[in-house]
N, C-alpha and C. Protein backbone atom coordinates (compact mmCIF):
# COMPACT_ATOMS: atom_id res chain seq x y z
N MET A 1 58.02 119.56 -100.29
CA MET A 1 58.06 118.39 -101.17
C MET A 1 59.50 118.17 -101.55
N LEU A 2 59.82 116.95 -101.79
CA LEU A 2 61.13 116.54 -102.38
C LEU A 2 60.88 115.68 -103.58
N CYS A 3 61.77 115.77 -104.60
CA CYS A 3 61.71 114.90 -105.74
C CYS A 3 63.06 114.20 -105.78
N ASP A 4 63.08 112.90 -105.89
CA ASP A 4 64.35 112.18 -105.83
C ASP A 4 65.17 112.41 -107.14
N MET A 5 64.63 113.07 -108.12
CA MET A 5 65.41 113.47 -109.32
C MET A 5 65.69 114.99 -109.36
N GLY A 6 65.19 115.72 -108.34
CA GLY A 6 65.40 117.13 -108.27
C GLY A 6 66.56 117.51 -107.43
N PHE A 7 66.93 118.76 -107.40
CA PHE A 7 68.08 119.26 -106.70
C PHE A 7 67.80 120.00 -105.38
N ALA A 8 66.52 120.41 -105.21
CA ALA A 8 66.15 121.19 -104.04
C ALA A 8 64.67 120.94 -103.70
N PRO A 9 64.35 121.13 -102.38
CA PRO A 9 62.93 120.98 -102.04
C PRO A 9 62.08 122.07 -102.74
N SER A 10 60.81 121.84 -102.76
CA SER A 10 59.85 122.86 -103.34
C SER A 10 58.57 122.79 -102.45
N ALA A 11 57.79 123.85 -102.52
CA ALA A 11 56.57 123.95 -101.65
C ALA A 11 55.34 123.70 -102.49
N LEU A 12 54.47 122.83 -102.04
CA LEU A 12 53.19 122.58 -102.68
C LEU A 12 52.36 123.88 -102.61
N ILE A 13 51.73 124.20 -103.72
CA ILE A 13 50.87 125.41 -103.71
C ILE A 13 49.39 124.91 -103.91
N VAL A 14 48.54 125.27 -102.97
CA VAL A 14 47.13 124.81 -103.05
C VAL A 14 46.24 126.04 -102.95
N GLU A 15 45.11 125.97 -103.62
CA GLU A 15 44.08 126.99 -103.52
C GLU A 15 43.38 126.85 -102.19
N PRO A 16 43.36 127.89 -101.37
CA PRO A 16 42.63 127.79 -100.09
C PRO A 16 41.18 127.54 -100.32
N MET A 17 40.66 126.47 -99.74
CA MET A 17 39.24 126.13 -99.81
C MET A 17 38.48 126.32 -98.50
N GLY A 18 39.11 127.07 -97.62
CA GLY A 18 38.52 127.30 -96.31
C GLY A 18 38.77 126.22 -95.31
N VAL A 19 39.66 125.30 -95.65
CA VAL A 19 40.00 124.19 -94.74
C VAL A 19 41.50 124.21 -94.54
N PHE A 20 41.89 124.19 -93.26
CA PHE A 20 43.30 124.34 -92.87
C PHE A 20 43.77 123.26 -91.96
N ALA A 21 45.06 122.90 -91.98
CA ALA A 21 45.72 122.06 -91.04
C ALA A 21 47.03 122.70 -90.70
N ASN A 22 47.26 122.85 -89.38
CA ASN A 22 48.46 123.56 -88.92
C ASN A 22 48.58 124.95 -89.53
N ASP A 23 47.47 125.67 -89.69
CA ASP A 23 47.42 127.01 -90.28
C ASP A 23 47.81 127.04 -91.75
N LEU A 24 47.84 125.88 -92.47
CA LEU A 24 48.15 125.86 -93.86
C LEU A 24 46.91 125.36 -94.62
N PRO A 25 46.62 125.88 -95.83
CA PRO A 25 45.52 125.30 -96.55
C PRO A 25 45.70 123.85 -96.91
N VAL A 26 44.66 123.08 -96.84
CA VAL A 26 44.74 121.65 -97.10
C VAL A 26 44.65 121.41 -98.58
N GLY A 27 45.46 120.54 -99.09
CA GLY A 27 45.48 120.11 -100.48
C GLY A 27 44.73 118.82 -100.64
N THR A 28 44.34 118.53 -101.89
CA THR A 28 43.71 117.24 -102.22
C THR A 28 44.59 116.46 -103.10
N ILE A 29 44.25 115.21 -103.35
CA ILE A 29 45.02 114.34 -104.21
C ILE A 29 45.08 114.80 -105.66
N PHE A 30 44.26 115.75 -106.00
CA PHE A 30 44.23 116.31 -107.38
C PHE A 30 45.00 117.57 -107.57
N ASP A 31 45.75 118.00 -106.51
CA ASP A 31 46.60 119.15 -106.67
C ASP A 31 47.95 118.73 -107.29
N ILE A 32 47.89 118.51 -108.62
CA ILE A 32 49.04 117.97 -109.36
C ILE A 32 49.41 118.82 -110.54
N ILE A 33 48.80 119.95 -110.72
CA ILE A 33 49.06 120.75 -111.93
C ILE A 33 50.55 121.33 -111.93
N PRO A 34 51.29 120.97 -112.94
CA PRO A 34 52.69 121.40 -113.02
C PRO A 34 52.72 122.97 -113.01
N LEU A 35 53.66 123.50 -112.24
CA LEU A 35 53.93 124.92 -112.08
C LEU A 35 52.85 125.67 -111.34
N VAL A 36 51.64 125.12 -111.30
CA VAL A 36 50.55 125.77 -110.53
C VAL A 36 50.54 125.21 -109.11
N ASN A 37 50.47 123.90 -108.97
CA ASN A 37 50.54 123.21 -107.64
C ASN A 37 51.91 122.70 -107.28
N ILE A 38 52.64 122.23 -108.33
CA ILE A 38 53.95 121.64 -108.07
C ILE A 38 55.00 122.47 -108.83
N PRO A 39 55.63 123.37 -108.09
CA PRO A 39 56.73 124.15 -108.67
C PRO A 39 57.98 123.30 -108.97
N PRO A 40 58.90 123.81 -109.76
CA PRO A 40 60.13 123.11 -110.04
C PRO A 40 61.03 122.81 -108.83
N PHE A 41 61.83 121.81 -108.99
CA PHE A 41 62.81 121.41 -107.94
C PHE A 41 64.19 121.81 -108.42
N VAL A 42 64.29 122.97 -108.99
CA VAL A 42 65.45 123.65 -109.53
C VAL A 42 65.96 122.95 -110.79
N LEU A 43 66.70 121.83 -110.60
CA LEU A 43 67.21 121.06 -111.74
C LEU A 43 66.75 119.62 -111.70
N CYS A 44 66.73 118.98 -112.81
CA CYS A 44 66.31 117.54 -112.93
C CYS A 44 67.55 116.75 -113.43
N ARG A 45 67.73 115.57 -112.81
CA ARG A 45 68.86 114.70 -113.19
C ARG A 45 68.37 113.45 -113.89
N SER A 46 67.11 113.27 -114.20
CA SER A 46 66.53 112.04 -114.74
C SER A 46 66.89 111.87 -116.20
N PHE A 47 67.37 110.70 -116.54
CA PHE A 47 67.67 110.39 -117.93
C PHE A 47 66.42 110.11 -118.79
N LEU A 48 65.25 110.19 -118.16
CA LEU A 48 64.01 110.08 -118.95
C LEU A 48 63.55 111.43 -119.41
N ASN A 49 64.16 112.52 -118.88
CA ASN A 49 63.84 113.87 -119.21
C ASN A 49 64.51 114.23 -120.57
N PRO A 50 63.79 114.59 -121.56
CA PRO A 50 64.39 114.90 -122.92
C PRO A 50 65.41 116.02 -122.83
N GLU A 51 65.23 116.99 -121.94
CA GLU A 51 66.19 118.09 -121.79
C GLU A 51 67.53 117.57 -121.19
N VAL A 52 67.42 116.67 -120.23
CA VAL A 52 68.64 116.03 -119.64
C VAL A 52 69.40 115.25 -120.74
N ILE A 53 68.62 114.49 -121.53
CA ILE A 53 69.23 113.72 -122.61
C ILE A 53 70.01 114.66 -123.56
N ALA A 54 69.34 115.70 -123.98
CA ALA A 54 69.97 116.66 -124.95
C ALA A 54 71.18 117.29 -124.34
N LEU A 55 71.10 117.76 -123.11
CA LEU A 55 72.25 118.47 -122.50
C LEU A 55 73.44 117.45 -122.24
N THR A 56 73.09 116.26 -121.89
CA THR A 56 74.12 115.23 -121.67
C THR A 56 74.78 114.88 -123.00
N ALA A 57 74.04 114.78 -124.09
CA ALA A 57 74.60 114.48 -125.41
C ALA A 57 75.48 115.66 -125.86
N ALA A 58 75.08 116.87 -125.60
CA ALA A 58 75.84 118.06 -125.98
C ALA A 58 77.15 118.14 -125.16
N ALA A 59 77.14 117.54 -123.98
CA ALA A 59 78.36 117.54 -123.12
C ALA A 59 79.11 116.26 -123.35
N LEU A 60 78.92 115.61 -124.51
CA LEU A 60 79.67 114.42 -124.93
C LEU A 60 79.56 113.28 -123.90
N GLY A 61 78.33 113.10 -123.36
CA GLY A 61 78.08 111.98 -122.47
C GLY A 61 78.25 112.28 -120.95
N VAL A 62 78.73 113.45 -120.63
CA VAL A 62 78.83 113.82 -119.23
C VAL A 62 77.43 114.14 -118.74
N PRO A 63 76.90 113.44 -117.66
CA PRO A 63 75.61 113.68 -117.14
C PRO A 63 75.41 115.14 -116.80
N THR A 64 74.41 115.75 -117.42
CA THR A 64 74.16 117.17 -117.23
C THR A 64 72.69 117.44 -116.91
N PRO A 65 72.44 117.91 -115.68
CA PRO A 65 71.04 118.25 -115.30
C PRO A 65 70.48 119.37 -116.17
N ALA A 66 69.14 119.40 -116.21
CA ALA A 66 68.36 120.36 -116.97
C ALA A 66 67.41 121.08 -115.98
N PRO A 67 66.92 122.23 -116.34
CA PRO A 67 65.93 122.88 -115.50
C PRO A 67 64.73 121.97 -115.32
N CYS A 68 64.24 121.93 -114.13
CA CYS A 68 63.09 121.04 -113.73
C CYS A 68 61.73 121.64 -114.14
N ILE A 69 61.01 120.87 -114.85
CA ILE A 69 59.63 121.17 -115.15
C ILE A 69 58.83 119.93 -114.82
N PRO A 70 58.32 119.80 -113.59
CA PRO A 70 57.65 118.50 -113.23
C PRO A 70 56.39 118.28 -114.02
N ILE A 71 56.18 117.10 -114.50
CA ILE A 71 54.96 116.72 -115.24
C ILE A 71 54.33 115.54 -114.47
N VAL A 72 53.23 115.82 -113.86
CA VAL A 72 52.47 114.82 -113.06
C VAL A 72 51.14 114.61 -113.71
N VAL A 73 50.74 113.38 -113.91
CA VAL A 73 49.45 113.14 -114.58
C VAL A 73 48.51 112.29 -113.71
N ASP A 74 49.01 111.62 -112.65
CA ASP A 74 48.19 110.82 -111.78
C ASP A 74 48.07 111.50 -110.40
N PRO A 75 46.99 111.27 -109.70
CA PRO A 75 46.82 111.82 -108.37
C PRO A 75 47.81 111.34 -107.39
N TRP A 76 47.96 112.11 -106.28
CA TRP A 76 48.84 111.72 -105.17
C TRP A 76 48.24 110.47 -104.52
N LEU A 77 49.22 109.63 -103.98
CA LEU A 77 48.85 108.40 -103.27
C LEU A 77 49.55 108.33 -101.93
N PRO A 78 49.11 107.65 -100.94
CA PRO A 78 47.77 107.15 -100.83
C PRO A 78 46.81 108.21 -100.50
N PRO A 79 45.53 108.10 -100.87
CA PRO A 79 44.57 109.10 -100.57
C PRO A 79 44.32 109.13 -99.09
N GLY A 80 44.05 110.29 -98.56
CA GLY A 80 43.78 110.47 -97.10
C GLY A 80 42.36 109.96 -96.79
N ASN A 81 42.10 109.79 -95.51
CA ASN A 81 40.76 109.32 -95.05
C ASN A 81 39.75 110.47 -94.91
N VAL A 82 40.29 111.69 -94.86
CA VAL A 82 39.44 112.91 -94.67
C VAL A 82 39.15 113.47 -96.07
N LEU A 83 37.89 113.88 -96.28
CA LEU A 83 37.45 114.40 -97.58
C LEU A 83 37.16 115.86 -97.46
N VAL A 84 37.58 116.66 -98.53
CA VAL A 84 37.25 118.05 -98.61
C VAL A 84 36.53 118.22 -99.98
N ASP A 85 35.31 118.62 -99.98
CA ASP A 85 34.52 118.69 -101.22
C ASP A 85 34.52 117.37 -101.95
N GLY A 86 34.49 116.29 -101.19
CA GLY A 86 34.42 114.91 -101.79
C GLY A 86 35.75 114.40 -102.26
N MET A 87 36.85 115.15 -102.06
CA MET A 87 38.13 114.71 -102.48
C MET A 87 39.08 114.39 -101.33
N PRO A 88 39.81 113.30 -101.35
CA PRO A 88 40.72 112.96 -100.23
C PRO A 88 41.79 114.05 -100.08
N VAL A 89 42.11 114.35 -98.87
CA VAL A 89 43.18 115.38 -98.58
C VAL A 89 44.56 114.71 -98.61
N LEU A 90 45.55 115.57 -98.80
CA LEU A 90 46.93 115.12 -98.84
C LEU A 90 47.43 115.06 -97.43
N THR A 91 48.33 114.11 -97.18
CA THR A 91 48.94 114.01 -95.88
C THR A 91 50.47 113.82 -96.04
N GLU A 92 51.14 114.10 -95.01
CA GLU A 92 52.60 113.96 -95.06
C GLU A 92 52.95 112.48 -95.50
N GLY A 93 53.88 112.38 -96.42
CA GLY A 93 54.19 111.01 -96.93
C GLY A 93 53.49 110.67 -98.23
N SER A 94 52.46 111.48 -98.63
CA SER A 94 51.81 111.24 -99.90
C SER A 94 52.89 111.38 -101.03
N VAL A 95 52.74 110.56 -102.12
CA VAL A 95 53.69 110.59 -103.22
C VAL A 95 52.92 110.70 -104.53
N CYS A 96 53.60 111.26 -105.51
CA CYS A 96 53.12 111.20 -106.88
C CYS A 96 54.35 110.99 -107.84
N GLN A 97 54.10 110.56 -109.01
CA GLN A 97 55.19 110.27 -109.95
C GLN A 97 55.27 111.30 -110.98
N CYS A 98 56.48 111.79 -111.28
CA CYS A 98 56.71 112.72 -112.38
C CYS A 98 56.91 111.82 -113.65
N LEU A 99 56.45 112.36 -114.78
CA LEU A 99 56.57 111.67 -116.05
C LEU A 99 58.04 111.40 -116.36
N TRP A 100 58.93 112.21 -115.83
CA TRP A 100 60.39 111.99 -116.08
C TRP A 100 61.03 110.99 -115.12
N GLY A 101 60.21 110.27 -114.31
CA GLY A 101 60.76 109.17 -113.49
C GLY A 101 61.04 109.54 -112.03
N GLY A 102 60.81 110.79 -111.68
CA GLY A 102 61.02 111.12 -110.28
C GLY A 102 59.83 110.84 -109.41
N THR A 103 60.11 110.52 -108.15
CA THR A 103 59.06 110.36 -107.13
C THR A 103 59.05 111.58 -106.26
N ILE A 104 57.88 112.26 -106.24
CA ILE A 104 57.72 113.44 -105.45
C ILE A 104 57.01 113.08 -104.16
N GLU A 105 57.53 113.52 -103.04
CA GLU A 105 56.99 113.15 -101.77
C GLU A 105 56.66 114.41 -100.93
N LEU A 106 55.53 114.38 -100.27
CA LEU A 106 55.24 115.51 -99.35
C LEU A 106 55.97 115.25 -98.00
N ILE A 107 56.75 116.18 -97.63
CA ILE A 107 57.52 115.97 -96.35
C ILE A 107 57.11 117.01 -95.30
N GLY A 108 56.31 117.93 -95.66
CA GLY A 108 55.95 119.01 -94.67
C GLY A 108 54.77 118.60 -93.87
N PRO A 109 54.40 119.53 -92.95
CA PRO A 109 53.27 119.28 -92.07
C PRO A 109 51.93 119.34 -92.80
N SER A 110 51.14 118.30 -92.58
CA SER A 110 49.75 118.34 -93.08
C SER A 110 48.92 117.19 -92.46
N PRO A 111 49.04 116.97 -91.13
CA PRO A 111 48.34 115.86 -90.53
C PRO A 111 46.81 116.03 -90.67
N ALA A 112 46.17 115.07 -91.29
CA ALA A 112 44.70 115.21 -91.53
C ALA A 112 43.93 115.24 -90.26
N GLU A 113 44.44 114.70 -89.16
CA GLU A 113 43.67 114.74 -87.93
C GLU A 113 43.52 116.22 -87.39
N ASN A 114 44.30 117.08 -87.88
CA ASN A 114 44.24 118.50 -87.39
C ASN A 114 43.42 119.39 -88.35
N VAL A 115 42.64 118.79 -89.24
CA VAL A 115 41.89 119.57 -90.27
C VAL A 115 40.76 120.29 -89.54
N GLU A 116 40.60 121.58 -89.92
CA GLU A 116 39.52 122.36 -89.39
C GLU A 116 38.98 123.29 -90.48
N ALA A 117 37.69 123.46 -90.48
CA ALA A 117 37.06 124.31 -91.51
C ALA A 117 36.79 125.69 -90.85
N ILE A 118 36.88 126.75 -91.71
CA ILE A 118 36.55 128.07 -91.18
C ILE A 118 35.33 128.60 -91.89
């Protein structure tokens, strides 16, 4: 995953449900729990993030990134066409919005056409 307000890529973490694509567990559009499914992107540069605001103020207006704690409240979009337990799977290019203004995008392999159950 990449966040346009983050400093480094991060890996989506999903609970294996017995369904895999390219030997990786398939995620659903509801895998949005901060720190559980979506780990930090090292630092955040968004001026909507209260920590960035505070650090920038302390640095007398010099933009200062803060540790990233992604906060996502809405499901990933667009939903995939394949369902797992009634929920659409994630596919490469799916995006979700961080409360601090960042857009998080899945950039790794997860083509839904290669989904297989074990």
